[in-house]
All heavy atoms as atom14 arrays in JSON, in Angstrom:
{
  "sequence": "ETIAELLPKNPVMSKTIVFNPLSLPTYVMAKTIG",
  "atom14_mask": [
    [1, 1, 1, 1, 1, 1, 1, 1, 1, 0, 0, 0, 0, 0],
    [1, 1, 1, 1, 1, 1, 1, 0, 0, 0, 0, 0, 0, 0],
    [1, 1, 1, 1, 1, 1, 1, 1, 0, 0, 0, 0, 0, 0],
    [1, 1, 1, 1, 1, 0, 0, 0, 0, 0, 0, 0, 0, 0],
    [1, 1, 1, 1, 1, 1, 1, 1, 1, 0, 0, 0, 0, 0],
    [1, 1, 1, 1, 1, 1, 1, 1, 0, 0, 0, 0, 0, 0],
    [1, 1, 1, 1, 1, 1, 1, 1, 0, 0, 0, 0, 0, 0],
    [1, 1, 1, 1, 1, 1, 1, 0, 0, 0, 0, 0, 0, 0],
    [1, 1, 1, 1, 1, 1, 1, 1, 1, 0, 0, 0, 0, 0],
    [1, 1, 1, 1, 1, 1, 1, 1, 0, 0, 0, 0, 0, 0],
    [1, 1, 1, 1, 1, 1, 1, 0, 0, 0, 0, 0, 0, 0],
    [1, 1, 1, 1, 1, 1, 1, 0, 0, 0, 0, 0, 0, 0],
    [1, 1, 1, 1, 1, 1, 1, 1, 0, 0, 0, 0, 0, 0],
    [1, 1, 1, 1, 1, 1, 0, 0, 0, 0, 0, 0, 0, 0],
    [1, 1, 1, 1, 1, 1, 1, 1, 1, 0, 0, 0, 0, 0],
    [1, 1, 1, 1, 1, 1, 1, 0, 0, 0, 0, 0, 0, 0],
    [1, 1, 1, 1, 1, 1, 1, 1, 0, 0, 0, 0, 0, 0],
    [1, 1, 1, 1, 1, 1, 1, 0, 0, 0, 0, 0, 0, 0],
    [1, 1, 1, 1, 1, 1, 1, 1, 1, 1, 1, 0, 0, 0],
    [1, 1, 1, 1, 1, 1, 1, 1, 0, 0, 0, 0, 0, 0],
    [1, 1, 1, 1, 1, 1, 1, 0, 0, 0, 0, 0, 0, 0],
    [1, 1, 1, 1, 1, 1, 1, 1, 0, 0, 0, 0, 0, 0],
    [1, 1, 1, 1, 1, 1, 0, 0, 0, 0, 0, 0, 0, 0],
    [1, 1, 1, 1, 1, 1, 1, 1, 0, 0, 0, 0, 0, 0],
    [1, 1, 1, 1, 1, 1, 1, 0, 0, 0, 0, 0, 0, 0],
    [1, 1, 1, 1, 1, 1, 1, 0, 0, 0, 0, 0, 0, 0],
    [1, 1, 1, 1, 1, 1, 1, 1, 1, 1, 1, 1, 0, 0],
    [1, 1, 1, 1, 1, 1, 1, 0, 0, 0, 0, 0, 0, 0],
    [1, 1, 1, 1, 1, 1, 1, 1, 0, 0, 0, 0, 0, 0],
    [1, 1, 1, 1, 1, 0, 0, 0, 0, 0, 0, 0, 0, 0],
    [1, 1, 1, 1, 1, 1, 1, 1, 1, 0, 0, 0, 0, 0],
    [1, 1, 1, 1, 1, 1, 1, 0, 0, 0, 0, 0, 0, 0],
    [1, 1, 1, 1, 1, 1, 1, 1, 0, 0, 0, 0, 0, 0],
    [1, 1, 1, 1, 0, 0, 0, 0, 0, 0, 0, 0, 0, 0]
  ],
  "atom14_positions": [
    [[-30.15, -28.35, -26.63], [-30.09, -27.59, -27.78], [-31.3, -27.67, -28.68], [-31.82, -26.75, -29.15], [-28.78, -27.98, -28.59], [-27.51, -27.72, -27.97], [-27.15, -28.59, -26.73], [-27.62, -29.69, -26.67], [-26.18, -28.28, -25.98], [0.0, 0.0, 0.0], [0.0, 0.0, 0.0], [0.0, 0.0, 0.0], [0.0, 0.0, 0.0], [0.0, 0.0, 0.0]],
    [[-31.84, -28.9, -28.76], [-33.0, -29.11, -29.51], [-34.25, -28.37, -28.92], [-34.99, -27.78, -29.58], [-33.36, -30.61, -29.67], [-32.17, -31.29, -30.25], [-34.6, -30.85, -30.52], [0.0, 0.0, 0.0], [0.0, 0.0, 0.0], [0.0, 0.0, 0.0], [0.0, 0.0, 0.0], [0.0, 0.0, 0.0], [0.0, 0.0, 0.0], [0.0, 0.0, 0.0]],
    [[-34.28, -28.4, -27.64], [-35.29, -27.72, -26.94], [-35.31, -26.24, -27.28], [-36.31, -25.55, -27.49], [-35.25, -27.9, -25.43], [-35.63, -29.39, -25.09], [-36.2, -26.92, -24.68], [-35.24, -29.77, -23.69], [0.0, 0.0, 0.0], [0.0, 0.0, 0.0], [0.0, 0.0, 0.0], [0.0, 0.0, 0.0], [0.0, 0.0, 0.0], [0.0, 0.0, 0.0]],
    [[-34.01, -25.69, -27.13], [-33.87, -24.28, -27.38], [-34.31, -23.94, -28.86], [-34.87, -22.81, -29.11], [-32.4, -23.85, -27.13], [0.0, 0.0, 0.0], [0.0, 0.0, 0.0], [0.0, 0.0, 0.0], [0.0, 0.0, 0.0], [0.0, 0.0, 0.0], [0.0, 0.0, 0.0], [0.0, 0.0, 0.0], [0.0, 0.0, 0.0], [0.0, 0.0, 0.0]],
    [[-34.0, -24.78, -29.75], [-34.37, -24.59, -31.21], [-35.89, -24.5, -31.43], [-36.32, -23.83, -32.24], [-33.7, -25.61, -32.03], [-32.24, -25.5, -32.15], [-31.6, -26.72, -32.85], [-32.32, -27.61, -33.32], [-30.31, -26.81, -32.98], [0.0, 0.0, 0.0], [0.0, 0.0, 0.0], [0.0, 0.0, 0.0], [0.0, 0.0, 0.0], [0.0, 0.0, 0.0]],
    [[-36.54, -25.34, -30.61], [-37.98, -25.46, -30.85], [-38.72, -24.33, -30.1], [-39.89, -24.07, -30.46], [-38.51, -26.74, -30.32], [-38.13, -28.0, -31.14], [-38.53, -29.26, -30.45], [-38.93, -27.92, -32.48], [0.0, 0.0, 0.0], [0.0, 0.0, 0.0], [0.0, 0.0, 0.0], [0.0, 0.0, 0.0], [0.0, 0.0, 0.0], [0.0, 0.0, 0.0]],
    [[-38.11, -23.63, -29.16], [-38.78, -22.56, -28.46], [-39.05, -21.52, -29.43], [-38.17, -21.18, -30.29], [-38.04, -22.12, -27.22], [-38.02, -23.11, -26.06], [-37.0, -22.61, -25.07], [-39.37, -23.22, -25.46], [0.0, 0.0, 0.0], [0.0, 0.0, 0.0], [0.0, 0.0, 0.0], [0.0, 0.0, 0.0], [0.0, 0.0, 0.0], [0.0, 0.0, 0.0]],
    [[-40.16, -20.66, -29.34], [-40.5, -19.63, -30.24], [-39.37, -18.54, -30.15], [-38.9, -18.24, -29.05], [-41.85, -19.15, -29.85], [-42.03, -19.66, -28.46], [-41.25, -21.01, -28.3], [0.0, 0.0, 0.0], [0.0, 0.0, 0.0], [0.0, 0.0, 0.0], [0.0, 0.0, 0.0], [0.0, 0.0, 0.0], [0.0, 0.0, 0.0], [0.0, 0.0, 0.0]],
    [[-39.11, -17.93, -31.26], [-38.02, -16.95, -31.34], [-38.68, -15.54, -31.33], [-39.7, -15.3, -32.07], [-37.1, -17.05, -32.48], [-36.43, -18.46, -32.58], [-35.54, -18.75, -31.46], [-34.74, -20.01, -31.74], [-35.46, -21.18, -31.9], [0.0, 0.0, 0.0], [0.0, 0.0, 0.0], [0.0, 0.0, 0.0], [0.0, 0.0, 0.0], [0.0, 0.0, 0.0]],
    [[-38.23, -14.59, -30.55], [-38.6, -13.12, -30.57], [-37.43, -12.42, -30.0], [-36.73, -12.97, -29.16], [-39.94, -12.98, -29.97], [-39.93, -13.13, -28.51], [-39.43, -12.27, -27.75], [-40.49, -14.25, -27.98], [0.0, 0.0, 0.0], [0.0, 0.0, 0.0], [0.0, 0.0, 0.0], [0.0, 0.0, 0.0], [0.0, 0.0, 0.0], [0.0, 0.0, 0.0]],
    [[-37.39, -11.14, -30.25], [-36.21, -10.34, -29.69], [-36.07, -10.31, -28.2], [-35.02, -10.46, -27.66], [-36.48, -8.98, -30.32], [-37.46, -9.11, -31.43], [-38.19, -10.32, -31.12], [0.0, 0.0, 0.0], [0.0, 0.0, 0.0], [0.0, 0.0, 0.0], [0.0, 0.0, 0.0], [0.0, 0.0, 0.0], [0.0, 0.0, 0.0], [0.0, 0.0, 0.0]],
    [[-37.27, -10.3, -27.51], [-37.16, -10.23, -26.06], [-36.69, -11.53, -25.52], [-35.92, -11.59, -24.63], [-38.6, -9.92, -25.53], [-38.51, -9.93, -23.93], [-38.95, -8.5, -25.89], [0.0, 0.0, 0.0], [0.0, 0.0, 0.0], [0.0, 0.0, 0.0], [0.0, 0.0, 0.0], [0.0, 0.0, 0.0], [0.0, 0.0, 0.0], [0.0, 0.0, 0.0]],
    [[-37.21, -12.66, -26.1], [-36.84, -13.92, -25.6], [-35.41, -14.25, -25.87], [-34.74, -14.82, -24.97], [-37.78, -15.05, -26.16], [-37.6, -16.42, -25.58], [-38.02, -16.4, -23.84], [-37.67, -18.06, -23.38], [0.0, 0.0, 0.0], [0.0, 0.0, 0.0], [0.0, 0.0, 0.0], [0.0, 0.0, 0.0], [0.0, 0.0, 0.0], [0.0, 0.0, 0.0]],
    [[-34.87, -13.88, -27.01], [-33.51, -14.15, -27.25], [-32.6, -13.29, -26.31], [-31.56, -13.9, -25.95], [-33.17, -13.75, -28.71], [-33.41, -12.38, -29.0], [0.0, 0.0, 0.0], [0.0, 0.0, 0.0], [0.0, 0.0, 0.0], [0.0, 0.0, 0.0], [0.0, 0.0, 0.0], [0.0, 0.0, 0.0], [0.0, 0.0, 0.0], [0.0, 0.0, 0.0]],
    [[-33.01, -12.15, -25.95], [-32.26, -11.43, -24.97], [-32.35, -12.01, -23.62], [-31.36, -12.14, -22.86], [-32.79, -9.94, -24.92], [-32.15, -8.96, -25.84], [-30.89, -8.45, -25.28], [-30.29, -7.33, -26.1], [-30.76, -6.08, -25.77], [0.0, 0.0, 0.0], [0.0, 0.0, 0.0], [0.0, 0.0, 0.0], [0.0, 0.0, 0.0], [0.0, 0.0, 0.0]],
    [[-33.48, -12.57, -23.25], [-33.82, -13.09, -22.07], [-32.95, -14.38, -21.78], [-32.45, -14.66, -20.78], [-35.26, -13.37, -21.78], [-36.01, -12.21, -22.0], [-35.52, -13.77, -20.42], [0.0, 0.0, 0.0], [0.0, 0.0, 0.0], [0.0, 0.0, 0.0], [0.0, 0.0, 0.0], [0.0, 0.0, 0.0], [0.0, 0.0, 0.0], [0.0, 0.0, 0.0]],
    [[-32.74, -15.13, -22.9], [-32.0, -16.36, -22.71], [-30.43, -15.92, -22.37], [-29.83, -16.68, -21.71], [-32.08, -17.15, -24.16], [-33.3, -17.69, -24.32], [-30.89, -18.11, -24.14], [-33.61, -18.33, -25.66], [0.0, 0.0, 0.0], [0.0, 0.0, 0.0], [0.0, 0.0, 0.0], [0.0, 0.0, 0.0], [0.0, 0.0, 0.0], [0.0, 0.0, 0.0]],
    [[-29.98, -14.96, -22.9], [-28.72, -14.35, -22.57], [-28.73, -13.98, -21.1], [-27.84, -14.22, -20.25], [-28.28, -13.15, -23.41], [-26.92, -12.52, -22.86], [-28.11, -13.56, -24.83], [0.0, 0.0, 0.0], [0.0, 0.0, 0.0], [0.0, 0.0, 0.0], [0.0, 0.0, 0.0], [0.0, 0.0, 0.0], [0.0, 0.0, 0.0], [0.0, 0.0, 0.0]],
    [[-29.81, -13.39, -20.55], [-30.01, -12.95, -19.26], [-30.44, -14.08, -18.43], [-31.5, -14.24, -17.86], [-31.05, -11.82, -19.14], [-31.21, -11.2, -17.81], [-30.23, -11.23, -16.84], [-32.39, -10.54, -17.46], [-30.45, -10.76, -15.6], [-32.64, -10.0, -16.26], [-31.57, -10.05, -15.3], [0.0, 0.0, 0.0], [0.0, 0.0, 0.0], [0.0, 0.0, 0.0]],
    [[-29.43, -15.05, -18.23], [-29.72, -16.29, -17.64], [-28.61, -16.64, -16.75], [-27.58, -17.28, -17.24], [-30.0, -17.42, -18.64], [-30.17, -18.81, -18.03], [-30.25, -18.88, -16.78], [-30.21, -19.77, -18.92], [0.0, 0.0, 0.0], [0.0, 0.0, 0.0], [0.0, 0.0, 0.0], [0.0, 0.0, 0.0], [0.0, 0.0, 0.0], [0.0, 0.0, 0.0]],
    [[-28.62, -16.31, -15.46], [-27.48, -16.64, -14.58], [-27.04, -18.06, -14.54], [-25.88, -18.3, -14.34], [-27.97, -16.08, -13.22], [-29.06, -15.18, -13.5], [-29.76, -15.65, -14.73], [0.0, 0.0, 0.0], [0.0, 0.0, 0.0], [0.0, 0.0, 0.0], [0.0, 0.0, 0.0], [0.0, 0.0, 0.0], [0.0, 0.0, 0.0], [0.0, 0.0, 0.0]],
    [[-27.99, -18.91, -14.78], [-27.69, -20.33, -14.68], [-26.76, -20.86, -15.87], [-26.23, -21.85, -15.82], [-28.89, -21.22, -14.63], [-29.76, -21.1, -13.31], [-30.96, -22.01, -13.43], [-28.94, -21.52, -12.12], [0.0, 0.0, 0.0], [0.0, 0.0, 0.0], [0.0, 0.0, 0.0], [0.0, 0.0, 0.0], [0.0, 0.0, 0.0], [0.0, 0.0, 0.0]],
    [[-26.76, -20.04, -16.91], [-25.95, -20.37, -18.03], [-24.44, -19.99, -17.8], [-23.51, -20.28, -18.57], [-26.41, -19.69, -19.31], [-26.14, -18.31, -19.26], [0.0, 0.0, 0.0], [0.0, 0.0, 0.0], [0.0, 0.0, 0.0], [0.0, 0.0, 0.0], [0.0, 0.0, 0.0], [0.0, 0.0, 0.0], [0.0, 0.0, 0.0], [0.0, 0.0, 0.0]],
    [[-24.16, -19.35, -16.67], [-22.82, -18.8, -16.33], [-22.24, -19.53, -15.17], [-23.05, -19.78, -14.16], [-22.96, -17.31, -16.14], [-23.3, -16.44, -17.28], [-23.51, -15.0, -16.79], [-22.4, -16.5, -18.51], [0.0, 0.0, 0.0], [0.0, 0.0, 0.0], [0.0, 0.0, 0.0], [0.0, 0.0, 0.0], [0.0, 0.0, 0.0], [0.0, 0.0, 0.0]],
    [[-21.01, -19.81, -15.14], [-20.47, -20.46, -13.9], [-20.44, -19.39, -12.79], [-20.44, -19.92, -11.62], [-19.01, -20.86, -14.3], [-18.73, -19.97, -15.51], [-20.05, -19.64, -16.25], [0.0, 0.0, 0.0], [0.0, 0.0, 0.0], [0.0, 0.0, 0.0], [0.0, 0.0, 0.0], [0.0, 0.0, 0.0], [0.0, 0.0, 0.0], [0.0, 0.0, 0.0]],
    [[-20.34, -18.13, -13.02], [-20.27, -17.18, -11.97], [-21.07, -15.92, -12.37], [-20.9, -15.46, -13.57], [-18.79, -16.79, -11.73], [-18.06, -17.88, -11.32], [-18.69, -15.63, -10.69], [0.0, 0.0, 0.0], [0.0, 0.0, 0.0], [0.0, 0.0, 0.0], [0.0, 0.0, 0.0], [0.0, 0.0, 0.0], [0.0, 0.0, 0.0], [0.0, 0.0, 0.0]],
    [[-21.92, -15.48, -11.51], [-22.75, -14.4, -11.88], [-22.74, -13.45, -10.69], [-22.99, -13.81, -9.53], [-24.17, -14.88, -12.14], [-25.2, -13.87, -12.48], [-25.32, -13.13, -13.65], [-26.15, -13.55, -11.44], [-26.29, -12.2, -13.87], [-27.12, -12.59, -11.66], [-27.21, -11.92, -12.83], [-28.25, -11.03, -13.11], [0.0, 0.0, 0.0], [0.0, 0.0, 0.0]],
    [[-22.55, -12.13, -10.92], [-22.43, -11.13, -9.82], [-23.22, -9.94, -10.22], [-23.01, -9.3, -11.24], [-21.0, -10.76, -9.53], [-20.97, -9.69, -8.38], [-20.23, -11.99, -9.15], [0.0, 0.0, 0.0], [0.0, 0.0, 0.0], [0.0, 0.0, 0.0], [0.0, 0.0, 0.0], [0.0, 0.0, 0.0], [0.0, 0.0, 0.0], [0.0, 0.0, 0.0]],
    [[-24.23, -9.49, -9.37], [-24.9, -8.26, -9.57], [-24.05, -7.13, -8.89], [-23.64, -7.21, -7.81], [-26.23, -8.26, -8.8], [-27.35, -8.95, -9.46], [-28.87, -8.73, -8.55], [-29.99, -9.61, -9.5], [0.0, 0.0, 0.0], [0.0, 0.0, 0.0], [0.0, 0.0, 0.0], [0.0, 0.0, 0.0], [0.0, 0.0, 0.0], [0.0, 0.0, 0.0]],
    [[-23.83, -6.1, -9.62], [-23.02, -4.96, -9.21], [-23.89, -3.82, -8.73], [-24.7, -3.4, -9.5], [-22.06, -4.52, -10.27], [0.0, 0.0, 0.0], [0.0, 0.0, 0.0], [0.0, 0.0, 0.0], [0.0, 0.0, 0.0], [0.0, 0.0, 0.0], [0.0, 0.0, 0.0], [0.0, 0.0, 0.0], [0.0, 0.0, 0.0], [0.0, 0.0, 0.0]],
    [[-23.71, -3.34, -7.56], [-24.38, -2.34, -6.87], [-23.62, -1.01, -7.14], [-22.76, -0.65, -6.38], [-24.57, -2.49, -5.47], [-25.22, -3.9, -5.1], [-26.68, -3.97, -5.37], [-27.36, -5.26, -5.02], [-28.75, -5.25, -5.1], [0.0, 0.0, 0.0], [0.0, 0.0, 0.0], [0.0, 0.0, 0.0], [0.0, 0.0, 0.0], [0.0, 0.0, 0.0]],
    [[-23.95, -0.26, -8.16], [-23.09, 0.86, -8.52], [-23.33, 2.01, -7.62], [-22.38, 2.86, -7.48], [-23.52, 1.41, -9.92], [-24.91, 1.86, -9.95], [-23.44, 0.26, -10.97], [0.0, 0.0, 0.0], [0.0, 0.0, 0.0], [0.0, 0.0, 0.0], [0.0, 0.0, 0.0], [0.0, 0.0, 0.0], [0.0, 0.0, 0.0], [0.0, 0.0, 0.0]],
    [[-24.4, 2.13, -6.89], [-24.68, 3.19, -5.91], [-25.12, 2.63, -4.6], [-25.64, 3.34, -3.87], [-25.78, 4.14, -6.53], [-25.76, 5.51, -5.85], [-27.08, 3.49, -6.52], [-24.59, 6.39, -6.31], [0.0, 0.0, 0.0], [0.0, 0.0, 0.0], [0.0, 0.0, 0.0], [0.0, 0.0, 0.0], [0.0, 0.0, 0.0], [0.0, 0.0, 0.0]],
    [[-24.68, 1.41, -4.35], [-25.09, 0.76, -3.03], [-26.58, 0.66, -2.87], [-27.26, 0.29, -3.8], [0.0, 0.0, 0.0], [0.0, 0.0, 0.0], [0.0, 0.0, 0.0], [0.0, 0.0, 0.0], [0.0, 0.0, 0.0], [0.0, 0.0, 0.0], [0.0, 0.0, 0.0], [0.0, 0.0, 0.0], [0.0, 0.0, 0.0], [0.0, 0.0, 0.0]]
  ]
}
């Protein structure tokens, strides 16, 4: 948590942190059109 707090903040990075499969117990890419 402390590491995350110290990392620089910007809109892209904050979104990218959400886009982190390792933070989720299960992650599935969905192929909408195969």
